[in-house]
Amino acid sequence: EAFHLSLSQSVVLRHHWILPFVQALKDRMASRQRFC
């Protein structure tokens, strides 16, 4: 139905972890460059 390239396995997050987890990802990706 949609197309993607995985960067992780499927994992389980508790509800109250979602926003801290996403913020940690954003902090890590902030300096990463686009590429072909």
Full PDB file with SEQRES, HELIX, SHEET, SSBOND, CRYST1, ORIGX, SCALE, CONECT and MASTER records, all heavy atoms in Angstrom:
SEQRES   1 A   36  GLU ALA PHE HIS LEU SER LEU SER GLN SER VAL VAL LEU          
SEQRES   2 A   36  ARG HIS HIS TRP ILE LEU PRO PHE VAL GLN ALA LEU LYS          
SEQRES   3 A   36  ASP ARG MET ALA SER ARG GLN ARG PHE CYS                      
HELIX    1 AA1 HIS A   15  TRP A   17  5                                   3    
HELIX    2 AA2 ILE A   18  MET A   29  1                                  12    
CRYST1    1.000    1.000    1.000  90.00  90.00  90.00 P 1           1          
ORIGX1      1.000000  0.000000  0.000000        0.00000                         
ORIGX2      0.000000  1.000000  0.000000        0.00000                         
ORIGX3      0.000000  0.000000  1.000000        0.00000                         
SCALE1      1.000000  0.000000  0.000000        0.00000                         
SCALE2      0.000000  1.000000  0.000000        0.00000                         
SCALE3      0.000000  0.000000  1.000000        0.00000                         
ATOM      1  N   GLU A   1       0.824  -1.203   0.000  1.00  0.00           N  
ATOM      2  CA  GLU A   1       0.000   0.000   0.000  1.00  0.00           C  
ATOM      3  C   GLU A   1       0.863   1.259   0.000  1.00  0.00           C  
ATOM      4  O   GLU A   1       0.448   2.306  -0.505  1.00  0.00           O  
ATOM      5  CB  GLU A   1      -0.918   0.000   1.218  1.00  0.00           C  
ATOM      6  CG  GLU A   1      -1.943  -1.137   1.197  1.00  0.00           C  
ATOM      7  CD  GLU A   1      -2.805  -1.131   2.440  1.00  0.00           C  
ATOM      8  OE1 GLU A   1      -2.596  -0.255   3.313  1.00  0.00           O  
ATOM      9  OE2 GLU A   1      -3.683  -2.004   2.553  1.00  0.00           O  
ATOM     10  N   ALA A   2       2.026   1.186   0.601  1.00  0.00           N  
ATOM     11  CA  ALA A   2       2.964   2.307   0.644  1.00  0.00           C  
ATOM     12  C   ALA A   2       4.374   1.727   0.571  1.00  0.00           C  
ATOM     13  O   ALA A   2       4.580   0.544   0.831  1.00  0.00           O  
ATOM     14  CB  ALA A   2       2.778   3.126   1.913  1.00  0.00           C  
ATOM     15  N   PHE A   3       5.345   2.592   0.231  1.00  0.00           N  
ATOM     16  CA  PHE A   3       6.707   2.111  -0.010  1.00  0.00           C  
ATOM     17  C   PHE A   3       7.683   2.843   0.907  1.00  0.00           C  
ATOM     18  O   PHE A   3       7.561   4.044   1.135  1.00  0.00           O  
ATOM     19  CB  PHE A   3       7.076   2.327  -1.481  1.00  0.00           C  
ATOM     20  CG  PHE A   3       6.078   1.711  -2.439  1.00  0.00           C  
ATOM     21  CD1 PHE A   3       5.069   2.477  -2.981  1.00  0.00           C  
ATOM     22  CD2 PHE A   3       6.141   0.363  -2.753  1.00  0.00           C  
ATOM     23  CE1 PHE A   3       4.138   1.917  -3.846  1.00  0.00           C  
ATOM     24  CE2 PHE A   3       5.226  -0.207  -3.619  1.00  0.00           C  
ATOM     25  CZ  PHE A   3       4.216   0.560  -4.160  1.00  0.00           C  
ATOM     26  N   HIS A   4       8.661   2.092   1.415  1.00  0.00           N  
ATOM     27  CA  HIS A   4       9.628   2.690   2.328  1.00  0.00           C  
ATOM     28  C   HIS A   4      10.857   1.793   2.432  1.00  0.00           C  
ATOM     29  O   HIS A   4      10.869   0.671   1.920  1.00  0.00           O  
ATOM     30  CB  HIS A   4       9.008   2.862   3.716  1.00  0.00           C  
ATOM     31  CG  HIS A   4       8.684   1.565   4.392  1.00  0.00           C  
ATOM     32  ND1 HIS A   4       7.437   0.987   4.355  1.00  0.00           N  
ATOM     33  CD2 HIS A   4       9.462   0.711   5.108  1.00  0.00           C  
ATOM     34  CE1 HIS A   4       7.450  -0.153   5.013  1.00  0.00           C  
ATOM     35  NE2 HIS A   4       8.681  -0.345   5.472  1.00  0.00           N  
ATOM     36  N   LEU A   5      11.887   2.302   3.100  1.00  0.00           N  
ATOM     37  CA  LEU A   5      13.102   1.540   3.412  1.00  0.00           C  
ATOM     38  C   LEU A   5      13.288   1.583   4.924  1.00  0.00           C  
ATOM     39  O   LEU A   5      13.416   2.658   5.511  1.00  0.00           O  
ATOM     40  CB  LEU A   5      14.324   2.122   2.697  1.00  0.00           C  
ATOM     41  CG  LEU A   5      14.244   2.098   1.166  1.00  0.00           C  
ATOM     42  CD1 LEU A   5      13.738   3.433   0.644  1.00  0.00           C  
ATOM     43  CD2 LEU A   5      15.596   1.765   0.548  1.00  0.00           C  
ATOM     44  N   SER A   6      13.279   0.434   5.558  1.00  0.00           N  
ATOM     45  CA  SER A   6      13.310   0.353   7.017  1.00  0.00           C  
ATOM     46  C   SER A   6      14.670   0.750   7.577  1.00  0.00           C  
ATOM     47  O   SER A   6      15.714   0.386   7.038  1.00  0.00           O  
ATOM     48  CB  SER A   6      12.975  -1.063   7.478  1.00  0.00           C  
ATOM     49  OG  SER A   6      11.628  -1.382   7.190  1.00  0.00           O  
ATOM     50  N   LEU A   7      14.622   1.465   8.707  1.00  0.00           N  
ATOM     51  CA  LEU A   7      15.815   1.803   9.481  1.00  0.00           C  
ATOM     52  C   LEU A   7      15.778   1.169  10.860  1.00  0.00           C  
ATOM     53  O   LEU A   7      16.720   1.316  11.645  1.00  0.00           O  
ATOM     54  CB  LEU A   7      15.936   3.323   9.639  1.00  0.00           C  
ATOM     55  CG  LEU A   7      16.041   4.145   8.364  1.00  0.00           C  
ATOM     56  CD1 LEU A   7      16.071   5.637   8.701  1.00  0.00           C  
ATOM     57  CD2 LEU A   7      17.261   3.748   7.544  1.00  0.00           C  
ATOM     58  N   SER A   8      14.690   0.465  11.173  1.00  0.00           N  
ATOM     59  CA  SER A   8      14.566  -0.194  12.473  1.00  0.00           C  
ATOM     60  C   SER A   8      13.705  -1.429  12.331  1.00  0.00           C  
ATOM     61  O   SER A   8      12.966  -1.586  11.349  1.00  0.00           O  
ATOM     62  CB  SER A   8      13.928   0.750  13.511  1.00  0.00           C  
ATOM     63  OG  SER A   8      12.520   0.801  13.337  1.00  0.00           O  
ATOM     64  N   GLN A   9      13.798  -2.299  13.306  1.00  0.00           N  
ATOM     65  CA  GLN A   9      12.808  -3.347  13.446  1.00  0.00           C  
ATOM     66  C   GLN A   9      11.539  -2.737  14.028  1.00  0.00           C  
ATOM     67  O   GLN A   9      11.527  -1.590  14.470  1.00  0.00           O  
ATOM     68  CB  GLN A   9      13.318  -4.450  14.372  1.00  0.00           C  
ATOM     69  CG  GLN A   9      14.572  -5.156  13.876  1.00  0.00           C  
ATOM     70  CD  GLN A   9      14.878  -6.407  14.676  1.00  0.00           C  
ATOM     71  OE1 GLN A   9      14.033  -7.277  14.831  1.00  0.00           O  
ATOM     72  NE2 GLN A   9      16.098  -6.499  15.189  1.00  0.00           N  
ATOM     73  N   SER A  10      10.476  -3.504  14.038  1.00  0.00           N  
ATOM     74  CA  SER A  10       9.245  -3.071  14.700  1.00  0.00           C  
ATOM     75  C   SER A  10       9.420  -3.322  16.193  1.00  0.00           C  
ATOM     76  O   SER A  10       9.720  -4.438  16.612  1.00  0.00           O  
ATOM     77  CB  SER A  10       8.067  -3.875  14.151  1.00  0.00           C  
ATOM     78  OG  SER A  10       6.891  -3.131  14.211  1.00  0.00           O  
ATOM     79  N   VAL A  11       9.274  -2.264  16.991  1.00  0.00           N  
ATOM     80  CA  VAL A  11       9.467  -2.367  18.440  1.00  0.00           C  
ATOM     81  C   VAL A  11       8.214  -1.869  19.152  1.00  0.00           C  
ATOM     82  O   VAL A  11       7.322  -1.287  18.537  1.00  0.00           O  
ATOM     83  CB  VAL A  11      10.693  -1.551  18.897  1.00  0.00           C  
ATOM     84  CG1 VAL A  11      11.969  -2.101  18.278  1.00  0.00           C  
ATOM     85  CG2 VAL A  11      10.524  -0.066  18.550  1.00  0.00           C  
ATOM     86  N   VAL A  12       8.152  -2.106  20.446  1.00  0.00           N  
ATOM     87  CA  VAL A  12       6.992  -1.701  21.253  1.00  0.00           C  
ATOM     88  C   VAL A  12       7.374  -0.513  22.134  1.00  0.00           C  
ATOM     89  O   VAL A  12       8.366  -0.560  22.855  1.00  0.00           O  
ATOM     90  CB  VAL A  12       6.510  -2.863  22.136  1.00  0.00           C  
ATOM     91  CG1 VAL A  12       5.374  -2.399  23.050  1.00  0.00           C  
ATOM     92  CG2 VAL A  12       6.037  -4.022  21.273  1.00  0.00           C  
ATOM     93  N   LEU A  13       6.573   0.566  22.038  1.00  0.00           N  
ATOM     94  CA  LEU A  13       6.747   1.732  22.899  1.00  0.00           C  
ATOM     95  C   LEU A  13       5.537   1.877  23.807  1.00  0.00           C  
ATOM     96  O   LEU A  13       4.404   1.707  23.355  1.00  0.00           O  
ATOM     97  CB  LEU A  13       6.875   3.017  22.071  1.00  0.00           C  
ATOM     98  CG  LEU A  13       8.237   3.407  21.516  1.00  0.00           C  
ATOM     99  CD1 LEU A  13       8.102   4.716  20.760  1.00  0.00           C  
ATOM    100  CD2 LEU A  13       9.266   3.544  22.620  1.00  0.00           C  
ATOM    101  N   ARG A  14       5.762   2.206  25.059  1.00  0.00           N  
ATOM    102  CA  ARG A  14       4.675   2.618  25.922  1.00  0.00           C  
ATOM    103  C   ARG A  14       4.192   4.001  25.479  1.00  0.00           C  
ATOM    104  O   ARG A  14       4.965   4.780  24.934  1.00  0.00           O  
ATOM    105  CB  ARG A  14       5.131   2.662  27.382  1.00  0.00           C  
ATOM    106  CG  ARG A  14       5.602   1.330  27.936  1.00  0.00           C  
ATOM    107  CD  ARG A  14       4.484   0.313  28.017  1.00  0.00           C  
ATOM    108  NE  ARG A  14       3.453   0.715  28.967  1.00  0.00           N  
ATOM    109  CZ  ARG A  14       2.309   0.074  29.134  1.00  0.00           C  
ATOM    110  NH1 ARG A  14       2.033  -0.991  28.395  1.00  0.00           N  
ATOM    111  NH2 ARG A  14       1.435   0.501  30.017  1.00  0.00           N  
ATOM    112  N   HIS A  15       2.926   4.288  25.725  1.00  0.00           N  
ATOM    113  CA  HIS A  15       2.353   5.537  25.217  1.00  0.00           C  
ATOM    114  C   HIS A  15       3.128   6.766  25.682  1.00  0.00           C  
ATOM    115  O   HIS A  15       3.373   7.691  24.903  1.00  0.00           O  
ATOM    116  CB  HIS A  15       0.883   5.628  25.654  1.00  0.00           C  
ATOM    117  CG  HIS A  15       0.196   6.874  25.191  1.00  0.00           C  
ATOM    118  ND1 HIS A  15       0.082   7.996  25.978  1.00  0.00           N  
ATOM    119  CD2 HIS A  15      -0.385   7.179  24.004  1.00  0.00           C  
ATOM    120  CE1 HIS A  15      -0.551   8.940  25.293  1.00  0.00           C  
ATOM    121  NE2 HIS A  15      -0.843   8.471  24.110  1.00  0.00           N  
ATOM    122  N   HIS A  16       3.529   6.791  26.940  1.00  0.00           N  
ATOM    123  CA  HIS A  16       4.200   7.977  27.469  1.00  0.00           C  
ATOM    124  C   HIS A  16       5.639   8.097  26.983  1.00  0.00           C  
ATOM    125  O   HIS A  16       6.298   9.100  27.250  1.00  0.00           O  
ATOM    126  CB  HIS A  16       4.166   7.974  29.008  1.00  0.00           C  
ATOM    127  CG  HIS A  16       4.792   6.770  29.631  1.00  0.00           C  
ATOM    128  ND1 HIS A  16       4.126   5.576  29.787  1.00  0.00           N  
ATOM    129  CD2 HIS A  16       6.040   6.561  30.128  1.00  0.00           C  
ATOM    130  CE1 HIS A  16       4.923   4.692  30.366  1.00  0.00           C  
ATOM    131  NE2 HIS A  16       6.097   5.253  30.581  1.00  0.00           N  
ATOM    132  N   TRP A  17       6.142   7.091  26.260  1.00  0.00           N  
ATOM    133  CA  TRP A  17       7.486   7.177  25.684  1.00  0.00           C  
ATOM    134  C   TRP A  17       7.477   7.776  24.284  1.00  0.00           C  
ATOM    135  O   TRP A  17       8.545   8.116  23.757  1.00  0.00           O  
ATOM    136  CB  TRP A  17       8.111   5.784  25.588  1.00  0.00           C  
ATOM    137  CG  TRP A  17       8.533   5.174  26.873  1.00  0.00           C  
ATOM    138  CD1 TRP A  17       8.532   5.749  28.114  1.00  0.00           C  
ATOM    139  CD2 TRP A  17       9.043   3.843  27.058  1.00  0.00           C  
ATOM    140  NE1 TRP A  17       8.986   4.861  29.057  1.00  0.00           N  
ATOM    141  CE2 TRP A  17       9.314   3.688  28.437  1.00  0.00           C  
ATOM    142  CE3 TRP A  17       9.291   2.786  26.195  1.00  0.00           C  
ATOM    143  CZ2 TRP A  17       9.820   2.505  28.958  1.00  0.00           C  
ATOM    144  CZ3 TRP A  17       9.794   1.602  26.731  1.00  0.00           C  
ATOM    145  CH2 TRP A  17      10.061   1.461  28.091  1.00  0.00           C  
ATOM    146  N   ILE A  18       6.347   7.860  23.636  1.00  0.00           N  
ATOM    147  CA  ILE A  18       6.313   8.201  22.211  1.00  0.00           C  
ATOM    148  C   ILE A  18       6.972   9.552  21.941  1.00  0.00           C  
ATOM    149  O   ILE A  18       7.890   9.658  21.110  1.00  0.00           O  
ATOM    150  CB  ILE A  18       4.872   8.181  21.669  1.00  0.00           C  
ATOM    151  CG1 ILE A  18       4.312   6.762  21.731  1.00  0.00           C  
ATOM    152  CG2 ILE A  18       4.841   8.696  20.229  1.00  0.00           C  
ATOM    153  CD1 ILE A  18       2.843   6.680  21.326  1.00  0.00           C  
ATOM    154  N   LEU A  19       6.511  10.598  22.603  1.00  0.00           N  
ATOM    155  CA  LEU A  19       7.060  11.932  22.323  1.00  0.00           C  
ATOM    156  C   LEU A  19       8.540  12.051  22.692  1.00  0.00           C  
ATOM    157  O   LEU A  19       9.317  12.614  21.902  1.00  0.00           O  
ATOM    158  CB  LEU A  19       6.221  12.996  23.018  1.00  0.00           C  
ATOM    159  CG  LEU A  19       4.795  13.180  22.470  1.00  0.00           C  
ATOM    160  CD1 LEU A  19       4.078  14.304  23.210  1.00  0.00           C  
ATOM    161  CD2 LEU A  19       4.818  13.459  20.972  1.00  0.00           C  
ATOM    162  N   PRO A  20       8.999  11.550  23.842  1.00  0.00           N  
ATOM    163  CA  PRO A  20      10.451  11.588  24.112  1.00  0.00           C  
ATOM    164  C   PRO A  20      11.255  10.794  23.089  1.00  0.00           C  
ATOM    165  O   PRO A  20      12.354  11.215  22.694  1.00  0.00           O  
ATOM    166  CB  PRO A  20      10.561  10.968  25.511  1.00  0.00           C  
ATOM    167  CG  PRO A  20       9.235  11.176  26.137  1.00  0.00           C  
ATOM    168  CD  PRO A  20       8.234  11.083  25.035  1.00  0.00           C  
ATOM    169  N   PHE A  21      10.717   9.660  22.643  1.00  0.00           N  
ATOM    170  CA  PHE A  21      11.402   8.844  21.639  1.00  0.00           C  
ATOM    171  C   PHE A  21      11.529   9.617  20.329  1.00  0.00           C  
ATOM    172  O   PHE A  21      12.611   9.665  19.717  1.00  0.00           O  
ATOM    173  CB  PHE A  21      10.613   7.550  21.419  1.00  0.00           C  
ATOM    174  CG  PHE A  21      11.198   6.630  20.378  1.00  0.00           C  
ATOM    175  CD1 PHE A  21      12.198   5.727  20.710  1.00  0.00           C  
ATOM    176  CD2 PHE A  21      10.729   6.647  19.067  1.00  0.00           C  
ATOM    177  CE1 PHE A  21      12.729   4.868  19.747  1.00  0.00           C  
ATOM    178  CE2 PHE A  21      11.258   5.797  18.111  1.00  0.00           C  
ATOM    179  CZ  PHE A  21      12.259   4.902  18.453  1.00  0.00           C  
ATOM    180  N   VAL A  22      10.435  10.235  19.883  1.00  0.00           N  
ATOM    181  CA  VAL A  22      10.459  10.998  18.630  1.00  0.00           C  
ATOM    182  C   VAL A  22      11.392  12.197  18.745  1.00  0.00           C  
ATOM    183  O   VAL A  22      12.145  12.508  17.805  1.00  0.00           O  
ATOM    184  CB  VAL A  22       9.032  11.447  18.254  1.00  0.00           C  
ATOM    185  CG1 VAL A  22       9.063  12.438  17.097  1.00  0.00           C  
ATOM    186  CG2 VAL A  22       8.173  10.232  17.897  1.00  0.00           C  
ATOM    187  N   GLN A  23      11.395  12.864  19.889  1.00  0.00           N  
ATOM    188  CA  GLN A  23      12.296  14.008  20.064  1.00  0.00           C  
ATOM    189  C   GLN A  23      13.752  13.566  20.004  1.00  0.00           C  
ATOM    190  O   GLN A  23      14.599  14.261  19.412  1.00  0.00           O  
ATOM    191  CB  GLN A  23      12.018  14.704  21.398  1.00  0.00           C  
ATOM    192  CG  GLN A  23      12.816  15.986  21.592  1.00  0.00           C  
ATOM    193  CD  GLN A  23      12.551  16.994  20.492  1.00  0.00           C  
ATOM    194  OE1 GLN A  23      11.417  17.367  20.230  1.00  0.00           O  
ATOM    195  NE2 GLN A  23      13.618  17.463  19.835  1.00  0.00           N  
ATOM    196  N   ALA A  24      14.063  12.409  20.579  1.00  0.00           N  
ATOM    197  CA  ALA A  24      15.432  11.892  20.515  1.00  0.00           C  
ATOM    198  C   ALA A  24      15.825  11.592  19.071  1.00  0.00           C  
ATOM    199  O   ALA A  24      16.965  11.866  18.654  1.00  0.00           O  
ATOM    200  CB  ALA A  24      15.554  10.634  21.379  1.00  0.00           C  
ATOM    201  N   LEU A  25      14.886  11.045  18.294  1.00  0.00           N  
ATOM    202  CA  LEU A  25      15.161  10.811  16.871  1.00  0.00           C  
ATOM    203  C   LEU A  25      15.413  12.122  16.140  1.00  0.00           C  
ATOM    204  O   LEU A  25      16.344  12.227  15.324  1.00  0.00           O  
ATOM    205  CB  LEU A  25      13.987  10.083  16.222  1.00  0.00           C  
ATOM    206  CG  LEU A  25      13.851   8.579  16.446  1.00  0.00           C  
ATOM    207  CD1 LEU A  25      12.566   8.078  15.802  1.00  0.00           C  
ATOM    208  CD2 LEU A  25      15.057   7.829  15.864  1.00  0.00           C  
ATOM    209  N   LYS A  26      14.589  13.116  16.403  1.00  0.00           N  
ATOM    210  CA  LYS A  26      14.752  14.419  15.745  1.00  0.00           C  
ATOM    211  C   LYS A  26      16.117  15.027  16.063  1.00  0.00           C  
ATOM    212  O   LYS A  26      16.781  15.586  15.178  1.00  0.00           O  
ATOM    213  CB  LYS A  26      13.636  15.371  16.172  1.00  0.00           C  
ATOM    214  CG  LYS A  26      12.276  15.026  15.587  1.00  0.00           C  
ATOM    215  CD  LYS A  26      11.219  16.029  16.023  1.00  0.00           C  
ATOM    216  CE  LYS A  26       9.877  15.715  15.370  1.00  0.00           C  
ATOM    217  NZ  LYS A  26       8.819  16.671  15.787  1.00  0.00           N  
ATOM    218  N   ASP A  27      16.532  14.908  17.303  1.00  0.00           N  
ATOM    219  CA  ASP A  27      17.844  15.445  17.688  1.00  0.00           C  
ATOM    220  C   ASP A  27      18.964  14.734  16.944  1.00  0.00           C  
ATOM    221  O   ASP A  27      19.940  15.365  16.508  1.00  0.00           O  
ATOM    222  CB  ASP A  27      18.041  15.286  19.198  1.00  0.00           C  
ATOM    223  CG  ASP A  27      17.096  16.162  20.015  1.00  0.00           C  
ATOM    224  OD1 ASP A  27      16.515  17.104  19.439  1.00  0.00           O  
ATOM    225  OD2 ASP A  27      16.922  15.875  21.213  1.00  0.00           O  
ATOM    226  N   ARG A  28      18.840  13.429  16.769  1.00  0.00           N  
ATOM    227  CA  ARG A  28      19.862  12.649  16.072  1.00  0.00           C  
ATOM    228  C   ARG A  28      19.897  12.951  14.580  1.00  0.00           C  
ATOM    229  O   ARG A  28      20.967  12.926  13.946  1.00  0.00           O  
ATOM    230  CB  ARG A  28      19.596  11.156  16.287  1.00  0.00           C  
ATOM    231  CG  ARG A  28      19.897  10.655  17.682  1.00  0.00           C  
ATOM    232  CD  ARG A  28      21.384  10.541  17.886  1.00  0.00           C  
ATOM    233  NE  ARG A  28      21.722  10.060  19.228  1.00  0.00           N  
ATOM    234  CZ  ARG A  28      22.963   9.974  19.663  1.00  0.00           C  
ATOM    235  NH1 ARG A  28      23.971  10.333  18.896  1.00  0.00           N  
ATOM    236  NH2 ARG A  28      23.208   9.540  20.881  1.00  0.00           N  
ATOM    237  N   MET A  29      18.740  13.197  13.989  1.00  0.00           N  
ATOM    238  CA  MET A  29      18.657  13.391  12.534  1.00  0.00           C  
ATOM    239  C   MET A  29      18.907  14.834  12.102  1.00  0.00           C  
ATOM    240  O   MET A  29      19.051  15.103  10.915  1.00  0.00           O  
ATOM    241  CB  MET A  29      17.276  12.954  12.031  1.00  0.00           C  
ATOM    242  CG  MET A  29      16.986  11.476  12.232  1.00  0.00           C  
ATOM    243  SD  MET A  29      18.197  10.431  11.352  1.00  0.00           S  
ATOM    244  CE  MET A  29      17.916   8.850  12.162  1.00  0.00           C  
ATOM    245  N   ALA A  30      18.948  15.757  13.055  1.00  0.00           N  
ATOM    246  CA  ALA A  30      19.032  17.183  12.721  1.00  0.00           C  
ATOM    247  C   ALA A  30      20.254  17.525  11.871  1.00  0.00           C  
ATOM    248  O   ALA A  30      20.201  18.434  11.028  1.00  0.00           O  
ATOM    249  CB  ALA A  30      19.036  18.008  14.002  1.00  0.00           C  
ATOM    250  N   SER A  31      21.352  16.810  12.047  1.00  0.00           N  
ATOM    251  CA  SER A  31      22.585  17.139  11.317  1.00  0.00           C  
ATOM    252  C   SER A  31      22.822  16.241  10.112  1.00  0.00           C  
ATOM    253  O   SER A  31      23.825  16.396   9.410  1.00  0.00           O  
ATOM    254  CB  SER A  31      23.785  17.037  12.267  1.00  0.00           C  
ATOM    255  OG  SER A  31      23.918  15.711  12.756  1.00  0.00           O  
ATOM    256  N   ARG A  32      21.917  15.307   9.844  1.00  0.00           N  
ATOM    257  CA  ARG A  32      22.112  14.352   8.747  1.00  0.00           C  
ATOM    258  C   ARG A  32      21.712  14.962   7.410  1.00  0.00           C  
ATOM    259  O   ARG A  32      20.690  15.624   7.295  1.00  0.00           O  
ATOM    260  CB  ARG A  32      21.324  13.061   9.007  1.00  0.00           C  
ATOM    261  CG  ARG A  32      21.914  12.213  10.120  1.00  0.00           C  
ATOM    262  CD  ARG A  32      23.286  11.706   9.713  1.00  0.00           C  
ATOM    263  NE  ARG A  32      24.045  11.131  10.825  1.00  0.00           N  
ATOM    264  CZ  ARG A  32      25.255  10.667  10.697  1.00  0.00           C  
ATOM    265  NH1 ARG A  32      25.877  10.717   9.527  1.00  0.00           N  
ATOM    266  NH2 ARG A  32      25.892  10.160  11.735  1.00  0.00           N  
ATOM    267  N   GLN A  33      22.531  14.696   6.388  1.00  0.00           N  
ATOM    268  CA  GLN A  33      22.329  15.282   5.065  1.00  0.00           C  
ATOM    269  C   GLN A  33      21.425  14.397   4.197  1.00  0.00           C  
ATOM    270  O   GLN A  33      21.379  13.180   4.344  1.00  0.00           O  
ATOM    271  CB  GLN A  33      23.683  15.433   4.359  1.00  0.00           C  
ATOM    272  CG  GLN A  33      24.683  16.294   5.078  1.00  0.00           C  
ATOM    273  CD  GLN A  33      24.351  17.773   4.984  1.00  0.00           C  
ATOM    274  OE1 GLN A  33      23.712  18.219   4.045  1.00  0.00           O  
ATOM    275  NE2 GLN A  33      24.813  18.531   5.968  1.00  0.00           N  
ATOM    276  N   ARG A  34      20.714  15.054   3.272  1.00  0.00           N  
ATOM    277  CA  ARG A  34      19.988  14.320   2.239  1.00  0.00           C  
ATOM    278  C   ARG A  34      20.983  13.619   1.322  1.00  0.00           C  
ATOM    279  O   ARG A  34      22.125  14.037   1.203  1.00  0.00           O  
ATOM    280  CB  ARG A  34      19.123  15.284   1.414  1.00  0.00           C  
ATOM    281  CG  ARG A  34      18.088  16.038   2.232  1.00  0.00           C  
ATOM    282  CD  ARG A  34      17.281  16.973   1.352  1.00  0.00           C  
ATOM    283  NE  ARG A  34      16.317  17.735   2.133  1.00  0.00           N  
ATOM    284  CZ  ARG A  34      15.386  18.524   1.609  1.00  0.00           C  
ATOM    285  NH1 ARG A  34      15.304  18.656   0.292  1.00  0.00           N  
ATOM    286  NH2 ARG A  34      14.536  19.164   2.400  1.00  0.00           N  
ATOM    287  N   PHE A  35      20.511  12.573   0.648  1.00  0.00           N  
ATOM    288  CA  PHE A  35      21.410  11.846  -0.257  1.00  0.00           C  
ATOM    289  C   PHE A  35      20.604  11.121  -1.322  1.00  0.00           C  
ATOM    290  O   PHE A  35      19.375  10.960  -1.203  1.00  0.00           O  
ATOM    291  CB  PHE A  35      22.284  10.860   0.524  1.00  0.00           C  
ATOM    292  CG  PHE A  35      21.512   9.787   1.261  1.00  0.00           C  
ATOM    293  CD1 PHE A  35      21.261   8.541   0.676  1.00  0.00           C  
ATOM    294  CD2 PHE A  35      21.044  10.016   2.552  1.00  0.00           C  
ATOM    295  CE1 PHE A  35      20.554   7.555   1.346  1.00  0.00           C  
ATOM    296  CE2 PHE A  35      20.336   9.025   3.235  1.00  0.00           C  
ATOM    297  CZ  PHE A  35      20.100   7.798   2.628  1.00  0.00           C  
ATOM    298  N   CYS A  36      21.283  10.691  -2.363  1.00  0.00           N  
ATOM    299  CA  CYS A  36      20.660   9.907  -3.432  1.00  0.00           C  
ATOM    300  C   CYS A  36      21.015   8.433  -3.259  1.00  0.00           C  
ATOM    301  O   CYS A  36      22.111   8.108  -2.784  1.00  0.00           O  
ATOM    302  CB  CYS A  36      21.136  10.380  -4.805  1.00  0.00           C  
ATOM    303  SG  CYS A  36      20.542  12.011  -5.263  1.00  0.00           S  
TER     304      CYS A  36                                                      
MASTER        0    0    0    2    0    0    0    6  303    1    0    3          
END                                                                             
